Amino acid sequence: MHLKFICPKCQVERRLAERSNDVTIVTSIQTVSNVGELDYVPSSTLTFGGYIECYECDLCSETVVDEDGDPITNSEALAEWLRRQPYNDLPPVVYGGSASPEGDNQPQPDTECQSCGHQFVAERDGGEACPACESSDLGAISDREEITLDAEGFHPSKERRK
């Protein structure tokens, strides 16, 4: 499942850009023309070191900030911020029990991806493929214990498979 980004300033769906500082970039040069024009080897850019200064709109450069107004500087916080945006309209990640906003009426996951371990409700979330990794290697969940999934929809007591 991919989260979309609607720029708060542009008010349209855009791509995010990652602004980094103190990064070393190495790109392989394929040829140099006699007037100094460089032709780079496709997909040969390597980056080393540095840090993420912020994430921003790729059109207007509006910085994505947290609830305190500080720039978001890591991908986990970015994903969490995006999940909270109303336009992503994601189902809650807590299933069963009173912790669910819908109470006991919220369906429990019935399907587990055999590739990555993501658990989900097949009828609601697609059923043909895992919404996390798009694998079609799925299996039924037979244990009906109440569970609370982590923020990405994975069972906290199971190791994620790569």
Protein backbone atom coordinates (compact mmCIF):
# COMPACT_ATOMS: atom_id res chain seq x y z
CA MET A 1 0.00 0.00 0.00
CA HIS A 2 1.37 3.37 -0.96
CA LEU A 3 0.49 6.55 0.91
CA LYS A 4 -0.31 9.61 -1.15
CA PHE A 5 0.82 13.14 -0.40
CA ILE A 6 -1.35 16.20 -0.96
CA CYS A 7 0.70 19.33 -0.47
CA PRO A 8 -0.84 21.56 2.20
CA LYS A 9 0.18 24.65 0.18
CA CYS A 10 -0.53 23.50 -3.41
CA GLN A 11 -3.66 21.54 -2.38
CA VAL A 12 -2.99 18.89 -5.05
CA GLU A 13 -1.43 15.44 -5.00
CA ARG A 14 2.32 15.80 -5.55
CA ARG A 15 5.51 13.83 -5.16
CA LEU A 16 7.62 14.32 -2.07
CA ALA A 17 11.25 15.39 -2.28
CA GLU A 18 13.90 14.54 0.29
CA ARG A 19 16.30 17.39 1.07
CA SER A 20 19.63 16.13 2.41
CA ASN A 21 22.77 17.90 3.62
CA ASP A 22 26.45 16.94 3.84
CA VAL A 23 26.05 14.14 1.29
CA THR A 24 28.84 12.78 -0.89
CA ILE A 25 27.58 11.89 -4.36
CA VAL A 26 29.54 9.69 -6.77
CA THR A 27 28.34 9.30 -10.38
CA SER A 28 30.11 7.31 -13.10
CA ILE A 29 30.88 9.29 -16.24
CA GLN A 30 30.42 7.41 -19.49
CA THR A 31 31.96 9.96 -21.86
CA VAL A 32 33.36 13.51 -21.92
CA SER A 33 32.85 15.51 -25.11
CA ASN A 34 35.59 17.70 -26.59
CA VAL A 35 33.75 20.78 -25.22
CA GLY A 36 33.36 19.37 -21.70
CA GLU A 37 29.81 17.98 -21.81
CA LEU A 38 29.46 14.93 -19.57
CA ASP A 39 27.39 11.85 -20.35
CA TYR A 40 26.68 9.89 -17.16
CA VAL A 41 26.19 6.13 -16.84
CA PRO A 42 22.46 5.57 -16.19
CA SER A 43 21.61 4.56 -12.61
CA SER A 44 25.21 4.87 -11.47
CA THR A 45 24.76 7.51 -8.75
CA LEU A 46 25.87 6.50 -5.26
CA THR A 47 25.41 8.61 -2.14
CA PHE A 48 27.28 8.42 1.14
CA GLY A 49 26.83 10.06 4.53
CA GLY A 50 24.79 13.13 5.22
CA TYR A 51 21.47 13.58 6.90
CA ILE A 52 17.89 14.34 5.92
CA GLU A 53 17.07 17.99 6.53
CA CYS A 54 13.39 17.62 5.63
CA TYR A 55 10.78 16.24 3.26
CA GLU A 56 9.06 18.74 1.00
CA CYS A 57 6.67 19.17 -1.91
CA ASP A 58 8.55 18.65 -5.18
CA LEU A 59 6.70 21.59 -6.77
CA CYS A 60 6.59 24.40 -4.21
CA SER A 61 9.17 23.14 -1.64
CA GLU A 62 6.66 23.38 1.24
CA THR A 63 8.28 21.50 4.17
CA VAL A 64 6.36 18.64 5.84
CA VAL A 65 6.22 19.42 9.56
CA ASP A 66 5.04 17.52 12.62
CA GLU A 67 2.37 18.71 15.06
CA ASP A 68 4.98 20.88 16.84
CA GLY A 69 5.91 22.61 13.57
CA ASP A 70 9.30 20.88 13.33
CA PRO A 71 10.45 19.41 9.99
CA ILE A 72 10.00 15.64 9.72
CA THR A 73 13.43 14.12 9.20
CA ASN A 74 12.99 10.33 9.01
CA SER A 75 10.91 8.01 6.84
CA GLU A 76 9.08 6.33 9.74
CA ALA A 77 7.81 9.69 11.04
CA LEU A 78 6.90 10.69 7.47
CA ALA A 79 4.84 7.50 6.99
CA GLU A 80 3.13 8.07 10.34
CA TRP A 81 2.28 11.68 9.36
CA LEU A 82 0.93 10.54 5.98
CA ARG A 83 -1.18 7.78 7.58
CA ARG A 84 -2.84 10.41 9.79
CA GLN A 85 -3.87 12.58 6.83
CA PRO A 86 -7.61 12.28 6.10
CA TYR A 87 -7.08 11.89 2.35
CA ASN A 88 -5.31 8.54 2.89
CA ASP A 89 -8.50 7.24 4.60
CA LEU A 90 -6.81 4.16 6.04
CA PRO A 91 -8.60 1.68 8.26
CA PRO A 92 -7.42 1.69 11.87
CA VAL A 93 -4.49 -0.61 12.62
CA VAL A 94 -5.94 -1.89 15.92
CA TYR A 95 -8.33 -4.80 15.48
CA GLY A 96 -10.79 -6.33 17.97
CA GLY A 97 -11.39 -5.33 21.60
CA SER A 98 -12.19 -1.90 22.94
CA ALA A 99 -8.96 -0.36 21.61
CA SER A 100 -10.52 -0.25 18.13
CA PRO A 101 -12.38 2.97 17.29
CA GLU A 102 -15.20 0.81 15.90
CA GLY A 103 -15.22 -1.41 19.00
CA ASP A 104 -15.88 -5.12 18.64
CA ASN A 105 -17.53 -4.61 15.23
CA GLN A 106 -14.13 -4.08 13.60
CA PRO A 107 -13.17 -7.27 11.71
CA GLN A 108 -10.04 -9.09 12.73
CA PRO A 109 -7.42 -9.95 10.11
CA ASP A 110 -8.23 -13.22 8.38
CA THR A 111 -5.32 -13.40 5.94
CA GLU A 112 -1.55 -13.37 6.40
CA CYS A 113 1.02 -12.75 3.69
CA GLN A 114 3.47 -15.64 3.66
CA SER A 115 6.15 -13.40 2.14
CA CYS A 116 6.25 -10.46 4.59
CA GLY A 117 3.97 -11.46 7.51
CA HIS A 118 1.44 -8.61 7.03
CA GLN A 119 -2.02 -9.50 8.39
CA PHE A 120 -5.16 -7.99 6.90
CA VAL A 121 -8.89 -8.43 6.22
CA ALA A 122 -8.99 -9.96 2.75
CA GLU A 123 -12.48 -8.81 1.75
CA ARG A 124 -11.82 -5.20 2.76
CA ASP A 125 -8.14 -4.91 1.74
CA GLY A 126 -8.15 -6.65 -1.64
CA GLY A 127 -7.73 -10.35 -0.91
CA GLU A 128 -5.86 -11.14 -4.15
CA ALA A 129 -2.52 -9.72 -3.02
CA CYS A 130 -0.88 -8.38 0.13
CA PRO A 131 -1.49 -4.63 0.48
CA ALA A 132 1.99 -4.22 2.03
CA CYS A 133 4.20 -6.05 -0.49
CA GLU A 134 1.78 -7.09 -3.27
CA SER A 135 2.71 -10.77 -2.95
CA SER A 136 -0.02 -13.27 -3.83
CA ASP A 137 1.43 -15.89 -1.44
CA LEU A 138 -1.34 -15.62 1.17
CA GLY A 139 -2.61 -17.90 3.93
CA ALA A 140 -5.63 -17.97 6.23
CA ILE A 141 -5.23 -17.03 9.90
CA SER A 142 -6.76 -19.72 12.08
CA ASP A 143 -5.83 -18.32 15.52
CA ARG A 144 -8.58 -15.84 16.46
CA GLU A 145 -6.79 -14.25 19.43
CA GLU A 146 -7.27 -10.50 19.86
CA ILE A 147 -4.24 -8.74 18.46
CA THR A 148 -2.98 -5.21 18.07
CA LEU A 149 -1.00 -4.67 14.90
CA ASP A 150 1.87 -2.24 14.72
CA ALA A 151 1.55 1.00 12.77
CA GLU A 152 2.32 -0.76 9.47
CA GLY A 153 -0.18 -3.59 9.99
CA PHE A 154 2.24 -6.28 11.15
CA HIS A 155 1.73 -8.62 14.11
CA PRO A 156 4.14 -7.37 16.82
CA SER A 157 5.14 -10.83 18.05
CA LYS A 158 6.09 -12.16 14.62
CA GLU A 159 9.37 -11.48 12.90
CA ARG A 160 8.97 -9.72 9.57
CA ARG A 161 10.11 -11.76 6.64
CA LYS A 162 12.00 -10.08 3.82
